[in-house]
């Protein structure tokens, strides 16, 4: 007997409502992504989206998987869809900013980090990454300020950058 899945089987959950099925496939996609089974995770997110085409969390999850697969344009596309569906979710803005930053779209990334921080001024991860972007763009004082904000919000990874560049 094998406990390993070869991918989503839509027939196993046919008795559940579409939204419940979508959520179950999203959860499985998330679990597989955390185990670094990215191709299989993407298949589960795809199936989740088939059941519920307006499920922002499924697009966001698939976007993170696409990022892990180095499909940065796909990651931006999925984050953009998640933002369209849930424009007040700061995580979607942060995810898209990070993908844009990786693609060297610094202006787009900065705009998205700024928007994420407008939505949630305690979003430590966004402060940290915006600080990294500011540092890359030559704004050392702005970077140090953002890293300090990240650190003060318990994002302790910022300490390395603060000690290395802000003394």
N, C-alpha and C. Protein backbone atom coordinates (compact mmCIF):
# COMPACT_ATOMS: atom_id res chain seq x y z
N UNK A 1 0.84 -1.17 0.00
CA UNK A 1 0.00 0.00 0.00
C UNK A 1 0.89 1.24 0.00
N UNK A 2 0.55 2.21 -0.82
CA UNK A 2 1.32 3.44 -0.91
C UNK A 2 0.53 4.61 -0.35
N UNK A 3 1.17 5.41 0.44
CA UNK A 3 0.54 6.61 0.98
C UNK A 3 0.89 7.83 0.16
N UNK A 4 1.64 7.65 -0.89
CA UNK A 4 2.07 8.77 -1.72
C UNK A 4 1.01 9.05 -2.78
N UNK A 5 0.70 10.30 -2.94
CA UNK A 5 -0.31 10.72 -3.91
C UNK A 5 0.34 11.04 -5.25
N UNK A 6 -0.34 10.70 -6.31
CA UNK A 6 0.11 11.06 -7.66
C UNK A 6 -0.54 12.33 -8.14
N UNK A 7 -1.30 12.98 -7.32
CA UNK A 7 -1.95 14.23 -7.69
C UNK A 7 -3.39 14.22 -7.25
N UNK A 8 -4.04 15.33 -7.46
CA UNK A 8 -5.41 15.46 -6.99
C UNK A 8 -6.36 14.53 -7.72
N UNK A 9 -7.28 13.95 -6.98
CA UNK A 9 -8.32 13.11 -7.54
C UNK A 9 -9.65 13.80 -7.26
N UNK A 10 -10.17 14.51 -8.26
CA UNK A 10 -11.37 15.30 -8.07
C UNK A 10 -12.58 14.44 -7.69
N UNK A 11 -12.58 13.17 -8.04
CA UNK A 11 -13.74 12.34 -7.76
C UNK A 11 -13.87 11.99 -6.28
N UNK A 12 -12.79 12.05 -5.52
CA UNK A 12 -12.85 11.63 -4.11
C UNK A 12 -13.67 12.58 -3.25
N UNK A 13 -13.82 13.80 -3.67
CA UNK A 13 -14.54 14.77 -2.85
C UNK A 13 -15.79 15.27 -3.55
N UNK A 14 -16.37 14.46 -4.42
CA UNK A 14 -17.49 14.93 -5.24
C UNK A 14 -18.72 15.27 -4.41
N UNK A 15 -18.84 14.73 -3.21
CA UNK A 15 -20.02 15.00 -2.38
C UNK A 15 -19.93 16.33 -1.64
N UNK A 16 -18.78 16.95 -1.62
CA UNK A 16 -18.60 18.20 -0.89
C UNK A 16 -18.95 19.38 -1.78
N UNK A 17 -19.27 20.48 -1.17
CA UNK A 17 -19.53 21.68 -1.96
C UNK A 17 -18.25 22.15 -2.60
N UNK A 18 -18.39 22.95 -3.65
CA UNK A 18 -17.21 23.44 -4.37
C UNK A 18 -16.27 24.22 -3.46
N UNK A 19 -16.81 25.06 -2.57
CA UNK A 19 -15.93 25.85 -1.72
C UNK A 19 -15.17 24.98 -0.72
N UNK A 20 -15.82 23.95 -0.21
CA UNK A 20 -15.14 23.04 0.72
C UNK A 20 -14.07 22.26 -0.03
N UNK A 21 -14.40 21.80 -1.22
CA UNK A 21 -13.41 21.08 -2.03
C UNK A 21 -12.23 22.00 -2.35
N UNK A 22 -12.54 23.23 -2.74
CA UNK A 22 -11.47 24.17 -3.06
C UNK A 22 -10.55 24.36 -1.87
N UNK A 23 -11.13 24.49 -0.70
CA UNK A 23 -10.31 24.70 0.50
C UNK A 23 -9.48 23.47 0.82
N UNK A 24 -10.03 22.29 0.65
CA UNK A 24 -9.27 21.06 0.91
C UNK A 24 -8.09 20.94 -0.05
N UNK A 25 -8.30 21.23 -1.33
CA UNK A 25 -7.20 21.17 -2.29
C UNK A 25 -6.16 22.25 -1.99
N UNK A 26 -6.61 23.43 -1.56
CA UNK A 26 -5.66 24.48 -1.19
C UNK A 26 -4.82 24.05 0.00
N UNK A 27 -5.47 23.46 1.00
CA UNK A 27 -4.73 23.00 2.18
C UNK A 27 -3.70 21.93 1.81
N UNK A 28 -4.09 21.02 0.94
CA UNK A 28 -3.15 19.98 0.52
C UNK A 28 -2.00 20.60 -0.29
N UNK A 29 -2.32 21.56 -1.15
CA UNK A 29 -1.28 22.25 -1.89
C UNK A 29 -0.29 22.94 -0.96
N UNK A 30 -0.82 23.56 0.08
CA UNK A 30 0.04 24.23 1.06
C UNK A 30 0.93 23.22 1.78
N UNK A 31 0.35 22.11 2.18
CA UNK A 31 1.12 21.08 2.86
C UNK A 31 2.24 20.53 1.97
N UNK A 32 1.91 20.27 0.72
CA UNK A 32 2.92 19.76 -0.21
C UNK A 32 4.01 20.80 -0.48
N UNK A 33 3.61 22.06 -0.58
CA UNK A 33 4.60 23.12 -0.80
C UNK A 33 5.58 23.19 0.37
N UNK A 34 5.06 23.02 1.58
CA UNK A 34 5.92 23.06 2.76
C UNK A 34 6.89 21.87 2.79
N UNK A 35 6.55 20.82 2.08
CA UNK A 35 7.43 19.64 1.98
C UNK A 35 8.30 19.73 0.72
N UNK A 36 8.27 20.88 0.05
CA UNK A 36 9.05 21.15 -1.16
C UNK A 36 8.66 20.26 -2.34
N UNK A 37 7.41 19.81 -2.35
CA UNK A 37 6.88 19.05 -3.49
C UNK A 37 6.09 20.04 -4.35
N UNK A 38 6.83 20.93 -5.01
CA UNK A 38 6.23 22.10 -5.63
C UNK A 38 5.37 21.79 -6.85
N UNK A 39 5.81 20.90 -7.70
CA UNK A 39 5.00 20.57 -8.89
C UNK A 39 3.66 19.96 -8.47
N UNK A 40 3.70 19.06 -7.52
CA UNK A 40 2.47 18.44 -7.04
C UNK A 40 1.60 19.48 -6.32
N UNK A 41 2.23 20.34 -5.55
CA UNK A 41 1.49 21.40 -4.87
C UNK A 41 0.77 22.29 -5.89
N UNK A 42 1.46 22.62 -6.97
CA UNK A 42 0.83 23.46 -8.00
C UNK A 42 -0.40 22.77 -8.58
N UNK A 43 -0.34 21.47 -8.77
CA UNK A 43 -1.50 20.74 -9.29
C UNK A 43 -2.69 20.84 -8.33
N UNK A 44 -2.42 20.77 -7.05
CA UNK A 44 -3.50 20.91 -6.07
C UNK A 44 -4.07 22.33 -6.07
N UNK A 45 -3.21 23.32 -6.15
CA UNK A 45 -3.73 24.70 -6.23
C UNK A 45 -4.53 24.91 -7.51
N UNK A 46 -4.07 24.34 -8.62
CA UNK A 46 -4.82 24.43 -9.88
C UNK A 46 -6.22 23.85 -9.71
N UNK A 47 -6.30 22.70 -9.05
CA UNK A 47 -7.59 22.06 -8.83
C UNK A 47 -8.46 22.89 -7.91
N UNK A 48 -7.88 23.47 -6.88
CA UNK A 48 -8.62 24.35 -5.99
C UNK A 48 -9.26 25.49 -6.77
N UNK A 49 -8.49 26.08 -7.66
CA UNK A 49 -8.98 27.20 -8.47
C UNK A 49 -10.06 26.75 -9.44
N UNK A 50 -9.98 25.51 -9.93
CA UNK A 50 -11.04 24.99 -10.81
C UNK A 50 -12.37 24.93 -10.05
N UNK A 51 -12.31 24.52 -8.79
CA UNK A 51 -13.53 24.44 -7.99
C UNK A 51 -14.06 25.82 -7.60
N UNK A 52 -13.15 26.75 -7.38
CA UNK A 52 -13.58 28.07 -6.93
C UNK A 52 -12.68 29.13 -7.58
N UNK A 53 -13.04 29.58 -8.77
CA UNK A 53 -12.18 30.50 -9.52
C UNK A 53 -11.96 31.87 -8.87
N UNK A 54 -12.69 32.17 -7.82
CA UNK A 54 -12.50 33.46 -7.15
C UNK A 54 -11.90 33.28 -5.75
N UNK A 55 -11.07 32.27 -5.57
CA UNK A 55 -10.48 31.94 -4.28
C UNK A 55 -9.09 32.56 -4.19
N UNK A 56 -9.00 33.72 -3.57
CA UNK A 56 -7.75 34.47 -3.51
C UNK A 56 -6.63 33.68 -2.85
N UNK A 57 -6.93 32.95 -1.78
CA UNK A 57 -5.88 32.20 -1.08
C UNK A 57 -5.27 31.13 -1.97
N UNK A 58 -6.05 30.55 -2.85
CA UNK A 58 -5.51 29.54 -3.76
C UNK A 58 -4.57 30.19 -4.78
N UNK A 59 -4.95 31.35 -5.30
CA UNK A 59 -4.06 32.06 -6.22
C UNK A 59 -2.77 32.46 -5.50
N UNK A 60 -2.91 32.95 -4.28
CA UNK A 60 -1.73 33.36 -3.52
C UNK A 60 -0.80 32.17 -3.26
N UNK A 61 -1.38 31.04 -2.88
CA UNK A 61 -0.58 29.84 -2.64
C UNK A 61 0.11 29.36 -3.90
N UNK A 62 -0.63 29.35 -5.01
CA UNK A 62 -0.03 28.92 -6.27
C UNK A 62 1.07 29.90 -6.68
N UNK A 63 0.86 31.19 -6.40
CA UNK A 63 1.90 32.16 -6.70
C UNK A 63 3.18 31.90 -5.94
N UNK A 64 3.07 31.53 -4.67
CA UNK A 64 4.26 31.21 -3.88
C UNK A 64 4.96 29.96 -4.43
N UNK A 65 4.15 28.99 -4.87
CA UNK A 65 4.73 27.79 -5.47
C UNK A 65 5.44 28.15 -6.78
N UNK A 66 4.80 28.98 -7.59
CA UNK A 66 5.44 29.41 -8.83
C UNK A 66 6.75 30.14 -8.54
N UNK A 67 6.76 30.96 -7.49
CA UNK A 67 8.00 31.63 -7.11
C UNK A 67 9.06 30.58 -6.79
N UNK A 68 8.70 29.57 -6.02
CA UNK A 68 9.64 28.49 -5.68
C UNK A 68 10.14 27.74 -6.89
N UNK A 69 9.32 27.69 -7.93
CA UNK A 69 9.70 27.03 -9.19
C UNK A 69 10.43 27.99 -10.13
N UNK A 70 10.69 29.20 -9.66
CA UNK A 70 11.37 30.25 -10.40
C UNK A 70 10.56 30.76 -11.60
N UNK A 71 9.26 30.60 -11.51
CA UNK A 71 8.34 31.18 -12.49
C UNK A 71 7.85 32.51 -11.91
N UNK A 72 8.72 33.51 -11.97
CA UNK A 72 8.44 34.77 -11.30
C UNK A 72 7.29 35.53 -11.96
N UNK A 73 7.20 35.46 -13.27
CA UNK A 73 6.06 36.11 -13.95
C UNK A 73 4.75 35.46 -13.54
N UNK A 74 4.74 34.14 -13.43
CA UNK A 74 3.55 33.43 -12.96
C UNK A 74 3.22 33.81 -11.53
N UNK A 75 4.24 33.99 -10.70
CA UNK A 75 4.03 34.40 -9.31
C UNK A 75 3.39 35.78 -9.26
N UNK A 76 3.87 36.70 -10.08
CA UNK A 76 3.28 38.05 -10.13
C UNK A 76 1.85 37.98 -10.63
N UNK A 77 1.61 37.17 -11.63
CA UNK A 77 0.26 37.03 -12.19
C UNK A 77 -0.72 36.51 -11.13
N UNK A 78 -0.32 35.48 -10.41
CA UNK A 78 -1.21 34.92 -9.38
C UNK A 78 -1.40 35.89 -8.22
N UNK A 79 -0.35 36.58 -7.80
CA UNK A 79 -0.49 37.57 -6.73
C UNK A 79 -1.41 38.71 -7.18
N UNK A 80 -1.30 39.09 -8.44
CA UNK A 80 -2.17 40.15 -8.97
C UNK A 80 -3.62 39.71 -8.94
N UNK A 81 -3.88 38.45 -9.28
CA UNK A 81 -5.26 37.93 -9.23
C UNK A 81 -5.76 37.91 -7.79
N UNK A 82 -4.91 37.48 -6.86
CA UNK A 82 -5.30 37.47 -5.44
C UNK A 82 -5.61 38.89 -4.97
N UNK A 83 -4.80 39.86 -5.39
CA UNK A 83 -5.04 41.26 -5.02
C UNK A 83 -6.35 41.75 -5.61
N UNK A 84 -6.64 41.38 -6.84
CA UNK A 84 -7.91 41.78 -7.47
C UNK A 84 -9.09 41.25 -6.66
N UNK A 85 -8.96 40.02 -6.16
CA UNK A 85 -10.04 39.40 -5.40
C UNK A 85 -10.12 39.90 -3.96
N UNK A 86 -8.98 40.18 -3.35
CA UNK A 86 -8.94 40.65 -1.96
C UNK A 86 -7.92 41.79 -1.86
N UNK A 87 -8.30 42.99 -2.28
CA UNK A 87 -7.34 44.09 -2.35
C UNK A 87 -6.83 44.60 -1.01
N UNK A 88 -7.45 44.22 0.08
CA UNK A 88 -7.02 44.69 1.40
C UNK A 88 -6.17 43.68 2.16
N UNK A 89 -5.70 42.65 1.48
CA UNK A 89 -4.86 41.63 2.12
C UNK A 89 -3.39 41.97 1.88
N UNK A 90 -2.72 42.44 2.91
CA UNK A 90 -1.34 42.92 2.76
C UNK A 90 -0.37 41.82 2.32
N UNK A 91 -0.64 40.58 2.68
CA UNK A 91 0.26 39.49 2.28
C UNK A 91 0.33 39.36 0.76
N UNK A 92 -0.79 39.54 0.08
CA UNK A 92 -0.78 39.41 -1.38
C UNK A 92 0.10 40.50 -2.00
N UNK A 93 0.00 41.72 -1.46
CA UNK A 93 0.83 42.83 -1.94
C UNK A 93 2.31 42.54 -1.66
N UNK A 94 2.60 42.00 -0.48
CA UNK A 94 3.99 41.67 -0.15
C UNK A 94 4.54 40.57 -1.03
N UNK A 95 3.73 39.56 -1.30
CA UNK A 95 4.18 38.47 -2.17
C UNK A 95 4.50 38.99 -3.57
N UNK A 96 3.61 39.85 -4.09
CA UNK A 96 3.85 40.38 -5.43
C UNK A 96 5.09 41.27 -5.43
N UNK A 97 5.25 42.06 -4.38
CA UNK A 97 6.43 42.92 -4.30
C UNK A 97 7.72 42.10 -4.32
N UNK A 98 7.72 41.01 -3.58
CA UNK A 98 8.93 40.18 -3.52
C UNK A 98 9.25 39.56 -4.88
N UNK A 99 8.21 39.10 -5.58
CA UNK A 99 8.43 38.54 -6.92
C UNK A 99 8.93 39.62 -7.87
N UNK A 100 8.34 40.81 -7.79
CA UNK A 100 8.79 41.92 -8.64
C UNK A 100 10.24 42.29 -8.32
N UNK A 101 10.58 42.30 -7.05
CA UNK A 101 11.94 42.62 -6.64
C UNK A 101 12.92 41.61 -7.24
N UNK A 102 12.54 40.35 -7.23
CA UNK A 102 13.38 39.30 -7.79
C UNK A 102 13.57 39.48 -9.29
N UNK A 103 12.54 40.04 -9.95
CA UNK A 103 12.59 40.28 -11.40
C UNK A 103 13.25 41.62 -11.74
N UNK A 104 13.79 42.30 -10.74
CA UNK A 104 14.44 43.60 -10.91
C UNK A 104 13.46 44.71 -11.27
N UNK A 105 12.20 44.52 -10.98
CA UNK A 105 11.19 45.58 -11.16
C UNK A 105 11.12 46.35 -9.85
N UNK A 106 12.14 47.16 -9.63
CA UNK A 106 12.29 47.83 -8.34
C UNK A 106 11.18 48.83 -8.06
N UNK A 107 10.76 49.57 -9.07
CA UNK A 107 9.68 50.55 -8.88
C UNK A 107 8.38 49.85 -8.51
N UNK A 108 8.05 48.80 -9.24
CA UNK A 108 6.84 48.05 -8.95
C UNK A 108 6.89 47.42 -7.57
N UNK A 109 8.05 46.88 -7.21
CA UNK A 109 8.20 46.26 -5.89
C UNK A 109 8.04 47.31 -4.79
N UNK A 110 8.67 48.47 -4.96
CA UNK A 110 8.57 49.52 -3.94
C UNK A 110 7.12 49.97 -3.78
N UNK A 111 6.42 50.15 -4.89
CA UNK A 111 5.00 50.54 -4.81
C UNK A 111 4.18 49.51 -4.05
N UNK A 112 4.44 48.22 -4.32
CA UNK A 112 3.68 47.17 -3.65
C UNK A 112 4.03 47.08 -2.16
N UNK A 113 5.31 47.21 -1.81
CA UNK A 113 5.67 47.21 -0.39
C UNK A 113 5.03 48.39 0.32
N UNK A 114 5.06 49.56 -0.31
CA UNK A 114 4.43 50.74 0.30
C UNK A 114 2.94 50.50 0.53
N UNK A 115 2.28 49.89 -0.45
CA UNK A 115 0.85 49.64 -0.30
C UNK A 115 0.58 48.62 0.81
N UNK A 116 1.39 47.57 0.85
CA UNK A 116 1.24 46.57 1.91
C UNK A 116 1.36 47.22 3.28
N UNK A 117 2.30 48.15 3.41
CA UNK A 117 2.51 48.81 4.69
C UNK A 117 1.44 49.85 4.99
N UNK A 118 0.79 50.38 3.98
CA UNK A 118 -0.38 51.23 4.21
C UNK A 118 -1.53 50.40 4.78
N UNK A 119 -1.64 49.17 4.32
CA UNK A 119 -2.70 48.28 4.80
C UNK A 119 -2.41 47.78 6.22
N UNK A 120 -1.14 47.58 6.53
CA UNK A 120 -0.77 47.05 7.85
C UNK A 120 0.58 47.62 8.24
N UNK A 121 0.56 48.62 9.08
CA UNK A 121 1.81 49.28 9.49
C UNK A 121 2.67 48.41 10.39
N UNK A 122 2.20 47.25 10.79
CA UNK A 122 2.98 46.31 11.60
C UNK A 122 3.51 45.12 10.80
N UNK A 123 3.51 45.22 9.49
CA UNK A 123 3.92 44.12 8.60
C UNK A 123 5.45 44.08 8.54
N UNK A 124 6.05 43.42 9.53
CA UNK A 124 7.50 43.42 9.71
C UNK A 124 8.25 42.89 8.50
N UNK A 125 7.76 41.81 7.91
CA UNK A 125 8.42 41.21 6.74
C UNK A 125 8.51 42.22 5.60
N UNK A 126 7.47 43.00 5.40
CA UNK A 126 7.48 44.01 4.34
C UNK A 126 8.49 45.12 4.65
N UNK A 127 8.58 45.53 5.92
CA UNK A 127 9.61 46.52 6.28
C UNK A 127 11.00 45.98 5.98
N UNK A 128 11.24 44.73 6.36
CA UNK A 128 12.56 44.15 6.13
C UNK A 128 12.90 44.14 4.64
N UNK A 129 11.98 43.62 3.83
CA UNK A 129 12.27 43.51 2.40
C UNK A 129 12.30 44.87 1.71
N UNK A 130 11.46 45.80 2.14
CA UNK A 130 11.55 47.14 1.57
C UNK A 130 12.90 47.76 1.95
N UNK A 131 13.38 47.46 3.15
CA UNK A 131 14.70 47.92 3.55
C UNK A 131 15.79 47.37 2.64
N UNK A 132 15.69 46.11 2.31
CA UNK A 132 16.66 45.49 1.39
C UNK A 132 16.61 46.19 0.03
N UNK A 133 15.42 46.48 -0.44
CA UNK A 133 15.26 47.16 -1.72
C UNK A 133 15.84 48.58 -1.64
N UNK A 134 15.55 49.30 -0.56
CA UNK A 134 16.11 50.64 -0.40
C UNK A 134 17.64 50.59 -0.38
N UNK A 135 18.20 49.61 0.31
CA UNK A 135 19.65 49.48 0.35
C UNK A 135 20.21 49.25 -1.04
N UNK A 136 19.57 48.38 -1.80
CA UNK A 136 19.99 48.09 -3.17
C UNK A 136 19.96 49.36 -4.02
N UNK A 137 18.98 50.22 -3.76
CA UNK A 137 18.82 51.45 -4.54
C UNK A 137 19.68 52.60 -4.01
N UNK A 138 20.49 52.33 -2.99
CA UNK A 138 21.42 53.32 -2.48
C UNK A 138 20.89 54.19 -1.35
N UNK A 139 19.72 53.86 -0.82
CA UNK A 139 19.13 54.62 0.28
C UNK A 139 19.45 53.90 1.59
N UNK A 140 20.69 54.04 2.05
CA UNK A 140 21.13 53.35 3.26
C UNK A 140 20.34 53.80 4.49
N UNK A 141 20.09 55.11 4.63
CA UNK A 141 19.35 55.61 5.80
C UNK A 141 17.92 55.06 5.80
N UNK A 142 17.28 55.04 4.64
CA UNK A 142 15.93 54.48 4.54
C UNK A 142 15.91 52.99 4.83
N UNK A 143 16.94 52.30 4.36
CA UNK A 143 17.05 50.86 4.63
C UNK A 143 17.18 50.60 6.13
N UNK A 144 18.06 51.36 6.76
CA UNK A 144 18.28 51.17 8.20
C UNK A 144 17.01 51.48 8.99
N UNK A 145 16.29 52.51 8.56
CA UNK A 145 15.03 52.84 9.22
C UNK A 145 14.03 51.69 9.10
N UNK A 146 13.90 51.13 7.89
CA UNK A 146 12.97 50.01 7.70
C UNK A 146 13.41 48.77 8.45
N UNK A 147 14.70 48.47 8.45
CA UNK A 147 15.18 47.31 9.19
C UNK A 147 14.93 47.49 10.68
N UNK A 148 15.09 48.72 11.17
CA UNK A 148 14.79 49.00 12.57
C UNK A 148 13.31 48.77 12.89
N UNK A 149 12.44 49.18 11.97
CA UNK A 149 11.00 48.96 12.16
C UNK A 149 10.70 47.46 12.15
N UNK A 150 11.34 46.73 11.26
CA UNK A 150 11.13 45.28 11.21
C UNK A 150 11.57 44.63 12.52
N UNK A 151 12.76 45.02 12.98
CA UNK A 151 13.29 44.45 14.22
C UNK A 151 12.39 44.77 15.41
N UNK A 152 11.90 46.00 15.47
CA UNK A 152 11.04 46.40 16.59
C UNK A 152 9.70 45.68 16.57
N UNK A 153 9.39 45.04 15.46
CA UNK A 153 8.16 44.25 15.34
C UNK A 153 8.48 42.74 15.38
N UNK A 154 9.58 42.42 16.03
CA UNK A 154 9.99 41.04 16.29
C UNK A 154 10.46 40.28 15.06
N UNK A 155 10.89 40.98 14.02
CA UNK A 155 11.50 40.32 12.86
C UNK A 155 13.01 40.37 13.08
N UNK A 156 13.50 39.43 13.86
CA UNK A 156 14.87 39.47 14.36
C UNK A 156 15.92 39.22 13.29
N UNK A 157 15.52 38.70 12.14
CA UNK A 157 16.43 38.53 11.02
C UNK A 157 17.01 39.89 10.60
N UNK A 158 16.30 40.97 10.87
CA UNK A 158 16.77 42.30 10.52
C UNK A 158 18.02 42.70 11.29
N UNK A 159 18.28 42.07 12.41
CA UNK A 159 19.44 42.42 13.22
C UNK A 159 20.74 42.30 12.44
N UNK A 160 20.87 41.26 11.63
CA UNK A 160 22.09 41.07 10.84
C UNK A 160 22.34 42.27 9.93
N UNK A 161 21.31 42.74 9.25
CA UNK A 161 21.45 43.89 8.35
C UNK A 161 21.76 45.16 9.14
N UNK A 162 21.10 45.32 10.28
CA UNK A 162 21.34 46.50 11.11
C UNK A 162 22.79 46.54 11.58
N UNK A 163 23.28 45.43 12.10
CA UNK A 163 24.65 45.40 12.62
C UNK A 163 25.69 45.54 11.49
N UNK A 164 25.36 45.02 10.33
CA UNK A 164 26.33 45.07 9.23
C UNK A 164 26.37 46.42 8.53
N UNK A 165 25.21 47.09 8.38
CA UNK A 165 25.15 48.27 7.52
C UNK A 165 24.73 49.56 8.23
N UNK A 166 24.27 49.49 9.46
CA UNK A 166 23.65 50.67 10.06
C UNK A 166 24.42 51.22 11.26
N UNK A 167 25.64 50.91 11.40
CA UNK A 167 26.43 51.42 12.54
C UNK A 167 27.29 52.57 12.10
